[in-house]
PDB file of N, CA and C in Angstrom:
ATOM      1  N   MET A   1      18.188   6.706   2.391  1.00  0.00           N
ATOM      2  CA  MET A   1      17.306   7.840   2.303  1.00  0.00           C
ATOM      3  C   MET A   1      17.736   8.882   3.325  1.00  0.00           C
ATOM      4  N   SER A   2      17.437  10.098   3.025  1.00  0.00           N
ATOM      5  CA  SER A   2      17.851  11.213   3.864  1.00  0.00           C
ATOM      6  C   SER A   2      17.114  11.216   5.194  1.00  0.00           C
ATOM      7  N   LYS A   3      17.861  11.555   6.275  1.00  0.00           N
ATOM      8  CA  LYS A   3      17.243  11.622   7.597  1.00  0.00           C
ATOM      9  C   LYS A   3      16.279  12.789   7.725  1.00  0.00           C
ATOM     10  N   GLY A   4      16.427  13.830   6.888  1.00  0.00           N
ATOM     11  CA  GLY A   4      15.586  15.006   6.987  1.00  0.00           C
ATOM     12  C   GLY A   4      14.199  14.831   6.390  1.00  0.00           C
ATOM     13  N   LYS A   5      13.948  13.735   5.733  1.00  0.00           N
ATOM     14  CA  LYS A   5      12.652  13.521   5.086  1.00  0.00           C
ATOM     15  C   LYS A   5      11.626  13.003   6.092  1.00  0.00           C
ATOM     16  N   THR A   6      10.387  13.384   5.877  1.00  0.00           N
ATOM     17  CA  THR A   6       9.307  12.923   6.742  1.00  0.00           C
ATOM     18  C   THR A   6       8.996  11.458   6.466  1.00  0.00           C
ATOM     19  N   THR A   7       8.320  10.841   7.394  1.00  0.00           N
ATOM     20  CA  THR A   7       7.909   9.449   7.218  1.00  0.00           C
ATOM     21  C   THR A   7       7.035   9.303   5.981  1.00  0.00           C
ATOM     22  N   SER A   8       6.081  10.210   5.806  1.00  0.00           N
ATOM     23  CA  SER A   8       5.190  10.141   4.634  1.00  0.00           C
ATOM     24  C   SER A   8       5.970  10.228   3.336  1.00  0.00           C
ATOM     25  N   LYS A   9       6.939  11.110   3.273  1.00  0.00           N
ATOM     26  CA  LYS A   9       7.758  11.282   2.068  1.00  0.00           C
ATOM     27  C   LYS A   9       8.563  10.019   1.793  1.00  0.00           C
ATOM     28  N   ARG A  10       9.139   9.436   2.825  1.00  0.00           N
ATOM     29  CA  ARG A  10       9.931   8.212   2.648  1.00  0.00           C
ATOM     30  C   ARG A  10       9.047   7.045   2.205  1.00  0.00           C
ATOM     31  N   ILE A  11       7.843   6.951   2.769  1.00  0.00           N
ATOM     32  CA  ILE A  11       6.918   5.893   2.347  1.00  0.00           C
ATOM     33  C   ILE A  11       6.564   6.081   0.877  1.00  0.00           C
ATOM     34  N   SER A  12       6.274   7.298   0.490  1.00  0.00           N
ATOM     35  CA  SER A  12       5.951   7.594  -0.904  1.00  0.00           C
ATOM     36  C   SER A  12       7.100   7.202  -1.828  1.00  0.00           C
ATOM     37  N   GLU A  13       8.313   7.550  -1.460  1.00  0.00           N
ATOM     38  CA  GLU A  13       9.480   7.197  -2.281  1.00  0.00           C
ATOM     39  C   GLU A  13       9.674   5.684  -2.366  1.00  0.00           C
ATOM     40  N   ALA A  14       9.419   4.986  -1.266  1.00  0.00           N
ATOM     41  CA  ALA A  14       9.587   3.531  -1.264  1.00  0.00           C
ATOM     42  C   ALA A  14       8.662   2.869  -2.283  1.00  0.00           C
ATOM     43  N   PHE A  15       7.433   3.369  -2.383  1.00  0.00           N
ATOM     44  CA  PHE A  15       6.488   2.748  -3.312  1.00  0.00           C
ATOM     45  C   PHE A  15       6.609   3.297  -4.731  1.00  0.00           C
ATOM     46  N   THR A  16       6.809   4.592  -4.893  1.00  0.00           N
ATOM     47  CA  THR A  16       6.879   5.142  -6.251  1.00  0.00           C
ATOM     48  C   THR A  16       8.117   4.650  -6.997  1.00  0.00           C
ATOM     49  N   ARG A  17       9.158   4.247  -6.295  1.00  0.00           N
ATOM     50  CA  ARG A  17      10.347   3.716  -6.987  1.00  0.00           C
ATOM     51  C   ARG A  17      10.029   2.445  -7.761  1.00  0.00           C
ATOM     52  N   LEU A  18       8.947   1.756  -7.366  1.00  0.00           N
ATOM     53  CA  LEU A  18       8.559   0.527  -8.054  1.00  0.00           C
ATOM     54  C   LEU A  18       8.150   0.778  -9.499  1.00  0.00           C
ATOM     55  N   ARG A  19       7.776   2.021  -9.805  1.00  0.00           N
ATOM     56  CA  ARG A  19       7.406   2.358 -11.190  1.00  0.00           C
ATOM     57  C   ARG A  19       8.569   2.116 -12.153  1.00  0.00           C
ATOM     58  N   LYS A  20       9.784   2.258 -11.662  1.00  0.00           N
ATOM     59  CA  LYS A  20      10.965   2.033 -12.500  1.00  0.00           C
ATOM     60  C   LYS A  20      11.117   0.569 -12.892  1.00  0.00           C
ATOM     61  N   TYR A  21      10.395  -0.300 -12.190  1.00  0.00           N
ATOM     62  CA  TYR A  21      10.533  -1.738 -12.393  1.00  0.00           C
ATOM     63  C   TYR A  21       9.239  -2.359 -12.928  1.00  0.00           C
ATOM     64  N   SER A  22       8.551  -1.620 -13.768  1.00  0.00           N
ATOM     65  CA  SER A  22       7.359  -2.085 -14.485  1.00  0.00           C
ATOM     66  C   SER A  22       6.140  -2.320 -13.604  1.00  0.00           C
ATOM     67  N   CYS A  23       6.109  -1.753 -12.416  1.00  0.00           N
ATOM     68  CA  CYS A  23       4.911  -1.840 -11.578  1.00  0.00           C
ATOM     69  C   CYS A  23       4.054  -0.605 -11.824  1.00  0.00           C
ATOM     70  N   TRP A  24       2.743  -0.796 -11.750  1.00  0.00           N
ATOM     71  CA  TRP A  24       1.837   0.349 -11.769  1.00  0.00           C
ATOM     72  C   TRP A  24       1.586   0.702 -10.315  1.00  0.00           C
ATOM     73  N   VAL A  25       1.784   1.972  -9.969  1.00  0.00           N
ATOM     74  CA  VAL A  25       1.645   2.408  -8.583  1.00  0.00           C
ATOM     75  C   VAL A  25       0.690   3.586  -8.528  1.00  0.00           C
ATOM     76  N   GLY A  26      -0.384   3.436  -7.762  1.00  0.00           N
ATOM     77  CA  GLY A  26      -1.342   4.516  -7.582  1.00  0.00           C
ATOM     78  C   GLY A  26      -1.416   4.906  -6.122  1.00  0.00           C
ATOM     79  N   ASN A  27      -1.457   6.204  -5.863  1.00  0.00           N
ATOM     80  CA  ASN A  27      -1.565   6.720  -4.505  1.00  0.00           C
ATOM     81  C   ASN A  27      -2.927   7.383  -4.351  1.00  0.00           C
ATOM     82  N   PHE A  28      -3.720   6.876  -3.440  1.00  0.00           N
ATOM     83  CA  PHE A  28      -5.058   7.418  -3.216  1.00  0.00           C
ATOM     84  C   PHE A  28      -5.129   8.213  -1.920  1.00  0.00           C
ATOM     85  N   ASN A  29      -3.981   8.498  -1.336  1.00  0.00           N
ATOM     86  CA  ASN A  29      -3.922   9.239  -0.081  1.00  0.00           C
ATOM     87  C   ASN A  29      -3.417  10.642  -0.380  1.00  0.00           C
ATOM     88  N   ASN A  30      -4.330  11.580  -0.485  1.00  0.00           N
ATOM     89  CA  ASN A  30      -3.924  12.958  -0.718  1.00  0.00           C
ATOM     90  C   ASN A  30      -4.810  13.894   0.082  1.00  0.00           C
ATOM     91  N   LYS A  31      -4.434  15.131   0.152  1.00  0.00           N
ATOM     92  CA  LYS A  31      -5.159  16.113   0.965  1.00  0.00           C
ATOM     93  C   LYS A  31      -6.373  16.688   0.239  1.00  0.00           C
ATOM     94  N   ARG A  32      -6.467  16.471  -1.061  1.00  0.00           N
ATOM     95  CA  ARG A  32      -7.636  16.954  -1.809  1.00  0.00           C
ATOM     96  C   ARG A  32      -8.825  16.052  -1.525  1.00  0.00           C
ATOM     97  N   ALA A  33      -9.988  16.585  -1.746  1.00  0.00           N
ATOM     98  CA  ALA A  33     -11.198  15.777  -1.545  1.00  0.00           C
ATOM     99  C   ALA A  33     -11.201  14.630  -2.547  1.00  0.00           C
ATOM    100  N   ASN A  34     -11.315  13.432  -2.047  1.00  0.00           N
ATOM    101  CA  ASN A  34     -11.366  12.256  -2.916  1.00  0.00           C
ATOM    102  C   ASN A  34     -12.762  12.074  -3.469  1.00  0.00           C
ATOM    103  N   ASN A  35     -12.837  11.398  -4.571  1.00  0.00           N
ATOM    104  CA  ASN A  35     -14.104  10.981  -5.142  1.00  0.00           C
ATOM    105  C   ASN A  35     -14.837  10.164  -4.077  1.00  0.00           C
ATOM    106  N   PRO A  36     -16.114  10.438  -3.824  1.00  0.00           N
ATOM    107  CA  PRO A  36     -16.838   9.674  -2.801  1.00  0.00           C
ATOM    108  C   PRO A  36     -16.808   8.162  -3.031  1.00  0.00           C
ATOM    109  N   GLY A  37     -16.614   7.740  -4.259  1.00  0.00           N
ATOM    110  CA  GLY A  37     -16.519   6.320  -4.552  1.00  0.00           C
ATOM    111  C   GLY A  37     -15.252   5.691  -4.004  1.00  0.00           C
ATOM    112  N   LEU A  38     -14.277   6.496  -3.610  1.00  0.00           N
ATOM    113  CA  LEU A  38     -13.022   5.980  -3.083  1.00  0.00           C
ATOM    114  C   LEU A  38     -12.969   6.011  -1.560  1.00  0.00           C
ATOM    115  N   LYS A  39     -14.076   6.294  -0.920  1.00  0.00           N
ATOM    116  CA  LYS A  39     -14.103   6.326   0.536  1.00  0.00           C
ATOM    117  C   LYS A  39     -13.638   4.980   1.078  1.00  0.00           C
ATOM    118  N   ASP A  40     -12.770   5.007   2.046  1.00  0.00           N
ATOM    119  CA  ASP A  40     -12.221   3.833   2.717  1.00  0.00           C
ATOM    120  C   ASP A  40     -11.232   3.039   1.869  1.00  0.00           C
ATOM    121  N   HIS A  41     -10.928   3.503   0.684  1.00  0.00           N
ATOM    122  CA  HIS A  41      -9.972   2.855  -0.221  1.00  0.00           C
ATOM    123  C   HIS A  41      -8.585   2.861   0.419  1.00  0.00           C
ATOM    124  N   PRO A  42      -7.822   1.757   0.322  1.00  0.00           N
ATOM    125  CA  PRO A  42      -6.448   1.785   0.830  1.00  0.00           C
ATOM    126  C   PRO A  42      -5.630   2.888   0.151  1.00  0.00           C
ATOM    127  N   ASP A  43      -4.583   3.323   0.825  1.00  0.00           N
ATOM    128  CA  ASP A  43      -3.787   4.452   0.346  1.00  0.00           C
ATOM    129  C   ASP A  43      -3.020   4.157  -0.937  1.00  0.00           C
ATOM    130  N   TRP A  44      -2.559   2.938  -1.101  1.00  0.00           N
ATOM    131  CA  TRP A  44      -1.731   2.580  -2.257  1.00  0.00           C
ATOM    132  C   TRP A  44      -2.281   1.345  -2.949  1.00  0.00           C
ATOM    133  N   LEU A  45      -2.162   1.346  -4.268  1.00  0.00           N
ATOM    134  CA  LEU A  45      -2.451   0.167  -5.086  1.00  0.00           C
ATOM    135  C   LEU A  45      -1.241  -0.047  -5.979  1.00  0.00           C
ATOM    136  N   ILE A  46      -0.654  -1.225  -5.873  1.00  0.00           N
ATOM    137  CA  ILE A  46       0.519  -1.572  -6.674  1.00  0.00           C
ATOM    138  C   ILE A  46       0.153  -2.806  -7.490  1.00  0.00           C
ATOM    139  N   ILE A  47       0.325  -2.709  -8.794  1.00  0.00           N
ATOM    140  CA  ILE A  47       0.049  -3.852  -9.668  1.00  0.00           C
ATOM    141  C   ILE A  47       1.363  -4.261 -10.307  1.00  0.00           C
ATOM    142  N   LYS A  48       1.746  -5.495 -10.025  1.00  0.00           N
ATOM    143  CA  LYS A  48       2.997  -6.028 -10.558  1.00  0.00           C
ATOM    144  C   LYS A  48       2.749  -6.693 -11.903  1.00  0.00           C
ATOM    145  N   PRO A  49       3.770  -6.736 -12.728  1.00  0.00           N
ATOM    146  CA  PRO A  49       3.637  -7.542 -13.941  1.00  0.00           C
ATOM    147  C   PRO A  49       3.234  -8.965 -13.545  1.00  0.00           C
ATOM    148  N   TYR A  50       2.535  -9.620 -14.379  1.00  0.00           N
ATOM    149  CA  TYR A  50       2.012 -10.963 -14.152  1.00  0.00           C
ATOM    150  C   TYR A  50       0.881 -10.948 -13.120  1.00  0.00           C
ATOM    151  N   TYR A  51       0.263  -9.780 -12.960  1.00  0.00           N
ATOM    152  CA  TYR A  51      -1.032  -9.650 -12.317  1.00  0.00           C
ATOM    153  C   TYR A  51      -1.103  -9.836 -10.807  1.00  0.00           C
ATOM    154  N   ALA A  52      -0.070  -9.553 -10.077  1.00  0.00           N
ATOM    155  CA  ALA A  52      -0.178  -9.518  -8.619  1.00  0.00           C
ATOM    156  C   ALA A  52      -0.692  -8.128  -8.235  1.00  0.00           C
ATOM    157  N   ILE A  53      -1.650  -8.103  -7.323  1.00  0.00           N
ATOM    158  CA  ILE A  53      -2.241  -6.850  -6.878  1.00  0.00           C
ATOM    159  C   ILE A  53      -1.936  -6.680  -5.395  1.00  0.00           C
ATOM    160  N   ILE A  54      -1.319  -5.554  -5.044  1.00  0.00           N
ATOM    161  CA  ILE A  54      -0.935  -5.292  -3.667  1.00  0.00           C
ATOM    162  C   ILE A  54      -1.612  -4.015  -3.204  1.00  0.00           C
ATOM    163  N   TRP A  55      -2.417  -4.130  -2.156  1.00  0.00           N
ATOM    164  CA  TRP A  55      -3.061  -2.984  -1.531  1.00  0.00           C
ATOM    165  C   TRP A  55      -2.270  -2.646  -0.278  1.00  0.00           C
ATOM    166  N   VAL A  56      -2.006  -1.355  -0.056  1.00  0.00           N
ATOM    167  CA  VAL A  56      -1.257  -0.945   1.130  1.00  0.00           C
ATOM    168  C   VAL A  56      -1.977   0.208   1.818  1.00  0.00           C
ATOM    169  N   GLU A  57      -2.229   0.031   3.087  1.00  0.00           N
ATOM    170  CA  GLU A  57      -2.802   1.081   3.923  1.00  0.00           C
ATOM    171  C   GLU A  57      -1.691   1.621   4.810  1.00  0.00           C
ATOM    172  N   THR A  58      -1.563   2.934   4.913  1.00  0.00           N
ATOM    173  CA  THR A  58      -0.570   3.529   5.806  1.00  0.00           C
ATOM    174  C   THR A  58      -1.281   4.113   7.018  1.00  0.00           C
ATOM    175  N   LYS A  59      -0.739   3.821   8.173  1.00  0.00           N
ATOM    176  CA  LYS A  59      -1.251   4.351   9.432  1.00  0.00           C
ATOM    177  C   LYS A  59      -0.054   4.881  10.213  1.00  0.00           C
ATOM    178  N   ILE A  60       0.079   6.193  10.226  1.00  0.00           N
ATOM    179  CA  ILE A  60       1.225   6.832  10.871  1.00  0.00           C
ATOM    180  C   ILE A  60       0.755   7.545  12.136  1.00  0.00           C
ATOM    181  N   GLY A  61       1.524   7.388  13.188  1.00  0.00           N
ATOM    182  CA  GLY A  61       1.201   8.077  14.431  1.00  0.00           C
ATOM    183  C   GLY A  61      -0.099   7.578  15.040  1.00  0.00           C
ATOM    184  N   ARG A  62      -1.017   8.493  15.298  1.00  0.00           N
ATOM    185  CA  ARG A  62      -2.284   8.149  15.942  1.00  0.00           C
ATOM    186  C   ARG A  62      -3.396   7.831  14.950  1.00  0.00           C
ATOM    187  N   ASP A  63      -3.076   7.781  13.680  1.00  0.00           N
ATOM    188  CA  ASP A  63      -4.069   7.467  12.659  1.00  0.00           C
ATOM    189  C   ASP A  63      -4.634   6.068  12.919  1.00  0.00           C
ATOM    190  N   THR A  64      -5.952   5.929  12.856  1.00  0.00           N
ATOM    191  CA  THR A  64      -6.595   4.643  13.105  1.00  0.00           C
ATOM    192  C   THR A  64      -7.535   4.298  11.951  1.00  0.00           C
ATOM    193  N   PHE A  65      -7.954   3.051  11.912  1.00  0.00           N
ATOM    194  CA  PHE A  65      -8.862   2.584  10.878  1.00  0.00           C
ATOM    195  C   PHE A  65     -10.277   3.093  11.139  1.00  0.00           C
ATOM    196  N   SER A  66     -10.944   3.515  10.063  1.00  0.00           N
ATOM    197  CA  SER A  66     -12.370   3.815  10.162  1.00  0.00           C
ATOM    198  C   SER A  66     -13.108   2.484  10.084  1.00  0.00           C
ATOM    199  N   GLU A  67     -14.385   2.505  10.391  1.00  0.00           N
ATOM    200  CA  GLU A  67     -15.194   1.290  10.315  1.00  0.00           C
ATOM    201  C   GLU A  67     -15.195   0.736   8.886  1.00  0.00           C
ATOM    202  N   GLY A  68     -15.320   1.625   7.908  1.00  0.00           N
ATOM    203  CA  GLY A  68     -15.316   1.200   6.505  1.00  0.00           C
ATOM    204  C   GLY A  68     -13.981   0.618   6.086  1.00  0.00           C
ATOM    205  N   GLN A  69     -12.881   1.199   6.572  1.00  0.00           N
ATOM    206  CA  GLN A  69     -11.555   0.668   6.251  1.00  0.00           C
ATOM    207  C   GLN A  69     -11.370  -0.725   6.837  1.00  0.00           C
ATOM    208  N   GLU A  70     -11.858  -0.936   8.056  1.00  0.00           N
ATOM    209  CA  GLU A  70     -11.758  -2.260   8.672  1.00  0.00           C
ATOM    210  C   GLU A  70     -12.544  -3.296   7.868  1.00  0.00           C
ATOM    211  N   LYS A  71     -13.726  -2.918   7.422  1.00  0.00           N
ATOM    212  CA  LYS A  71     -14.555  -3.832   6.637  1.00  0.00           C
ATOM    213  C   LYS A  71     -13.863  -4.195   5.320  1.00  0.00           C
ATOM    214  N   LEU A  72     -13.317  -3.190   4.638  1.00  0.00           N
ATOM    215  CA  LEU A  72     -12.619  -3.445   3.377  1.00  0.00           C
ATOM    216  C   LEU A  72     -11.359  -4.276   3.611  1.00  0.00           C
ATOM    217  N   MET A  73     -10.638  -4.000   4.689  1.00  0.00           N
ATOM    218  CA  MET A  73      -9.441  -4.778   5.012  1.00  0.00           C
ATOM    219  C   MET A  73      -9.801  -6.250   5.178  1.00  0.00           C
ATOM    220  N   LYS A  74     -10.879  -6.538   5.873  1.00  0.00           N
ATOM    221  CA  LYS A  74     -11.291  -7.927   6.072  1.00  0.00           C
ATOM    222  C   LYS A  74     -11.634  -8.596   4.745  1.00  0.00           C
ATOM    223  N   MET A  75     -12.294  -7.856   3.851  1.00  0.00           N
ATOM    224  CA  MET A  75     -12.625  -8.414   2.534  1.00  0.00           C
ATOM    225  C   MET A  75     -11.359  -8.726   1.738  1.00  0.00           C
ATOM    226  N   LEU A  76     -10.419  -7.781   1.721  1.00  0.00           N
ATOM    227  CA  LEU A  76      -9.184  -7.991   0.959  1.00  0.00           C
ATOM    228  C   LEU A  76      -8.357  -9.125   1.560  1.00  0.00           C
ATOM    229  N   CYS A  77      -8.330  -9.220   2.880  1.00  0.00           N
ATOM    230  CA  CYS A  77      -7.601 -10.323   3.520  1.00  0.00           C
ATOM    231  C   CYS A  77      -8.245 -11.661   3.196  1.00  0.00           C
ATOM    232  N   TRP A  78      -9.571 -11.684   3.032  1.00  0.00           N
ATOM    233  CA  TRP A  78     -10.243 -12.910   2.629  1.00  0.00           C
ATOM    234  C   TRP A  78      -9.713 -13.368   1.271  1.00  0.00           C
ATOM    235  N   PHE A  79      -9.579 -12.426   0.325  1.00  0.00           N
ATOM    236  CA  PHE A  79      -9.038 -12.773  -0.991  1.00  0.00           C
ATOM    237  C   PHE A  79      -7.606 -13.277  -0.885  1.00  0.00           C
ATOM    238  N   MET A  80      -6.823 -12.677   0.024  1.00  0.00           N
ATOM    239  CA  MET A  80      -5.447 -13.132   0.219  1.00  0.00           C
ATOM    240  C   MET A  80      -5.394 -14.600   0.611  1.00  0.00           C
ATOM    241  N   GLY A  81      -6.382 -15.045   1.379  1.00  0.00           N
ATOM    242  CA  GLY A  81      -6.382 -16.413   1.882  1.00  0.00           C
ATOM    243  C   GLY A  81      -6.825 -17.460   0.896  1.00  0.00           C
ATOM    244  N   MET A  82      -7.293 -17.044  -0.259  1.00  0.00           N
ATOM    245  CA  MET A  82      -7.750 -18.015  -1.257  1.00  0.00           C
ATOM    246  C   MET A  82      -6.552 -18.720  -1.891  1.00  0.00           C
ATOM    247  N   PRO A  83      -6.710 -19.994  -2.235  1.00  0.00           N
ATOM    248  CA  PRO A  83      -5.611 -20.713  -2.878  1.00  0.00           C
ATOM    249  C   PRO A  83      -5.157 -20.005  -4.155  1.00  0.00           C
ATOM    250  N   LYS A  84      -3.875 -19.921  -4.329  1.00  0.00           N
ATOM    251  CA  LYS A  84      -3.241 -19.314  -5.503  1.00  0.00           C
ATOM    252  C   LYS A  84      -3.619 -17.846  -5.695  1.00  0.00           C
ATOM    253  N   SER A  85      -3.998 -17.186  -4.616  1.00  0.00           N
ATOM    254  CA  SER A  85      -4.363 -15.771  -4.703  1.00  0.00           C
ATOM    255  C   SER A  85      -3.144 -14.922  -5.048  1.00  0.00           C
ATOM    256  N   ARG A  86      -3.370 -13.922  -5.844  1.00  0.00           N
ATOM    257  CA  ARG A  86      -2.325 -12.945  -6.165  1.00  0.00           C
ATOM    258  C   ARG A  86      -2.772 -11.571  -5.682  1.00  0.00           C
ATOM    259  N   VAL A  87      -3.633 -11.561  -4.665  1.00  0.00           N
ATOM    260  CA  VAL A  87      -4.106 -10.334  -4.036  1.00  0.00           C
ATOM    261  C   VAL A  87      -3.468 -10.260  -2.657  1.00  0.00           C
ATOM    262  N   TYR A  88      -2.845  -9.136  -2.363  1.00  0.00           N
ATOM    263  CA  TYR A  88      -2.154  -8.953  -1.091  1.00  0.00           C
ATOM    264  C   TYR A  88      -2.627  -7.654  -0.442  1.00  0.00           C
ATOM    265  N   TYR A  89      -2.630  -7.641   0.887  1.00  0.00           N
ATOM    266  CA  TYR A  89      -3.013  -6.444   1.640  1.00  0.00           C
ATOM    267  C   TYR A  89      -2.041  -6.284   2.800  1.00  0.00           C
ATOM    268  N   TYR A  90      -1.461  -5.094   2.915  1.00  0.00           N
ATOM    269  CA  TYR A  90      -0.506  -4.811   3.977  1.00  0.00           C
ATOM    270  C   TYR A  90      -0.831  -3.485   4.635  1.00  0.00           C
ATOM    271  N   VAL A  91      -0.470  -3.378   5.894  1.00  0.00           N
ATOM    272  CA  VAL A  91      -0.551  -2.122   6.628  1.00  0.00           C
ATOM    273  C   VAL A  91       0.875  -1.753   7.009  1.00  0.00           C
ATOM    274  N   VAL A  92       1.291  -0.533   6.676  1.00  0.00           N
ATOM    275  CA  VAL A  92       2.613  -0.059   7.083  1.00  0.00           C
ATOM    276  C   VAL A  92       2.451   1.126   8.017  1.00  0.00           C
ATOM    277  N   THR A  93       3.302   1.160   9.038  1.00  0.00           N
ATOM    278  CA  THR A  93       3.236   2.232  10.022  1.00  0.00           C
ATOM    279  C   THR A  93       4.517   3.051  10.085  1.00  0.00           C
ATOM    280  N   THR A  94       5.555   2.584   9.406  1.00  0.00           N
ATOM    281  CA  THR A  94       6.832   3.300   9.400  1.00  0.00           C
ATOM    282  C   THR A  94       7.429   3.295   7.997  1.00  0.00           C
ATOM    283  N   ALA A  95       8.352   4.194   7.780  1.00  0.00           N
ATOM    284  CA  ALA A  95       9.055   4.234   6.493  1.00  0.00           C
ATOM    285  C   ALA A  95       9.879   2.961   6.300  1.00  0.00           C
ATOM    286  N   GLU A  96      10.432   2.442   7.370  1.00  0.00           N
ATOM    287  CA  GLU A  96      11.236   1.222   7.276  1.00  0.00           C
ATOM    288  C   GLU A  96      10.391   0.040   6.805  1.00  0.00           C
ATOM    289  N   GLU A  97       9.159  -0.060   7.317  1.00  0.00           N
ATOM    290  CA  GLU A  97       8.262  -1.128   6.860  1.00  0.00           C
ATOM    291  C   GLU A  97       7.947  -0.973   5.381  1.00  0.00           C
ATOM    292  N   ALA A  98       7.712   0.250   4.939  1.00  0.00           N
ATOM    293  CA  ALA A  98       7.413   0.499   3.519  1.00  0.00           C
ATOM    294  C   ALA A  98       8.608   0.128   2.649  1.00  0.00           C
ATOM    295  N   GLU A  99       9.802   0.482   3.092  1.00  0.00           N
ATOM    296  CA  GLU A  99      11.005   0.165   2.317  1.00  0.00           C
ATOM    297  C   GLU A  99      11.223  -1.342   2.239  1.00  0.00           C
ATOM    298  N   LYS A 100      11.001  -2.057   3.340  1.00  0.00           N
ATOM    299  CA  LYS A 100      11.144  -3.521   3.332  1.00  0.00           C
ATOM    300  C   LYS A 100      10.098  -4.166   2.428  1.00  0.00           C
ATOM    301  N   LEU A 101       8.856  -3.676   2.498  1.00  0.00           N
ATOM    302  CA  LEU A 101       7.805  -4.219   1.630  1.00  0.00           C
ATOM    303  C   LEU A 101       8.136  -3.962   0.167  1.00  0.00           C
ATOM    304  N   SER A 102       8.599  -2.777  -0.142  1.00  0.00           N
ATOM    305  CA  SER A 102       8.994  -2.445  -1.510  1.00  0.00           C
ATOM    306  C   SER A 102      10.094  -3.384  -2.005  1.00  0.00           C
ATOM    307  N   ASP A 103      11.074  -3.643  -1.158  1.00  0.00           N
ATOM    308  CA  ASP A 103      12.148  -4.589  -1.515  1.00  0.00           C
ATOM    309  C   ASP A 103      11.588  -5.988  -1.754  1.00  0.00           C
ATOM    310  N   ARG A 104      10.664  -6.435  -0.896  1.00  0.00           N
ATOM    311  CA  ARG A 104      10.068  -7.761  -1.052  1.00  0.00           C
ATOM    312  C   ARG A 104       9.294  -7.860  -2.360  1.00  0.00           C
ATOM    313  N   ILE A 105       8.617  -6.784  -2.737  1.00  0.00           N
ATOM    314  CA  ILE A 105       7.879  -6.778  -4.002  1.00  0.00           C
ATOM    315  C   ILE A 105       8.832  -6.938  -5.163  1.00  0.00           C
ATOM    316  N   LEU A 106       9.959  -6.244  -5.107  1.00  0.00           N
ATOM    317  CA  LEU A 106      10.919  -6.299  -6.208  1.00  0.00           C
ATOM    318  C   LEU A 106      11.555  -7.670  -6.377  1.00  0.00           C
ATOM    319  N   VAL A 107      11.743  -8.394  -5.298  1.00  0.00           N
ATOM    320  CA  VAL A 107      12.400  -9.707  -5.402  1.00  0.00           C
ATOM    321  C   VAL A 107      11.400 -10.862  -5.335  1.00  0.00           C
ATOM    322  N   ASN A 108      10.108 -10.544  -5.542  1.00  0.00           N
ATOM    323  CA  ASN A 108       9.047 -11.549  -5.572  1.00  0.00           C
ATOM    324  C   ASN A 108       8.996 -12.414  -4.324  1.00  0.00           C
ATOM    325  N   LYS A 109       9.112 -11.790  -3.167  1.00  0.00           N
ATOM    326  CA  LYS A 109       9.068 -12.511  -1.882  1.00  0.00           C
ATOM    327  C   LYS A 109       7.770 -12.250  -1.131  1.00  0.00           C
ATOM    328  N   LEU A 110       6.663 -12.128  -1.822  1.00  0.00           N
ATOM    329  CA  LEU A 110       5.381 -11.907  -1.154  1.00  0.00           C
ATOM    330  C   LEU A 110       4.774 -13.216  -0.732  1.00  0.00           C
TER     331      LEU A 110
END
């Protein structure tokens, strides 16, 4: 990836490339006013074929979790801990982490 790109742009590219490989990728992190029903929603939702669901929260720089985000993170992590769960939750803070996670998703190493 180009060195001139911002971290946010590189993270976006890392996840949106998964669309080429039959994943559904939704980005809920935008500058427009979100639907109030999406408050505290993780930034990314990736659905893999065969029903694996991956939630990704991005925290860049000084960005921190809101109280609602922490509560939702704990709920999603609870689902991750269930036997045979196909629900995953990750926090990425750098473009490199996003690229590695994207690679892991593609090779089924979750």
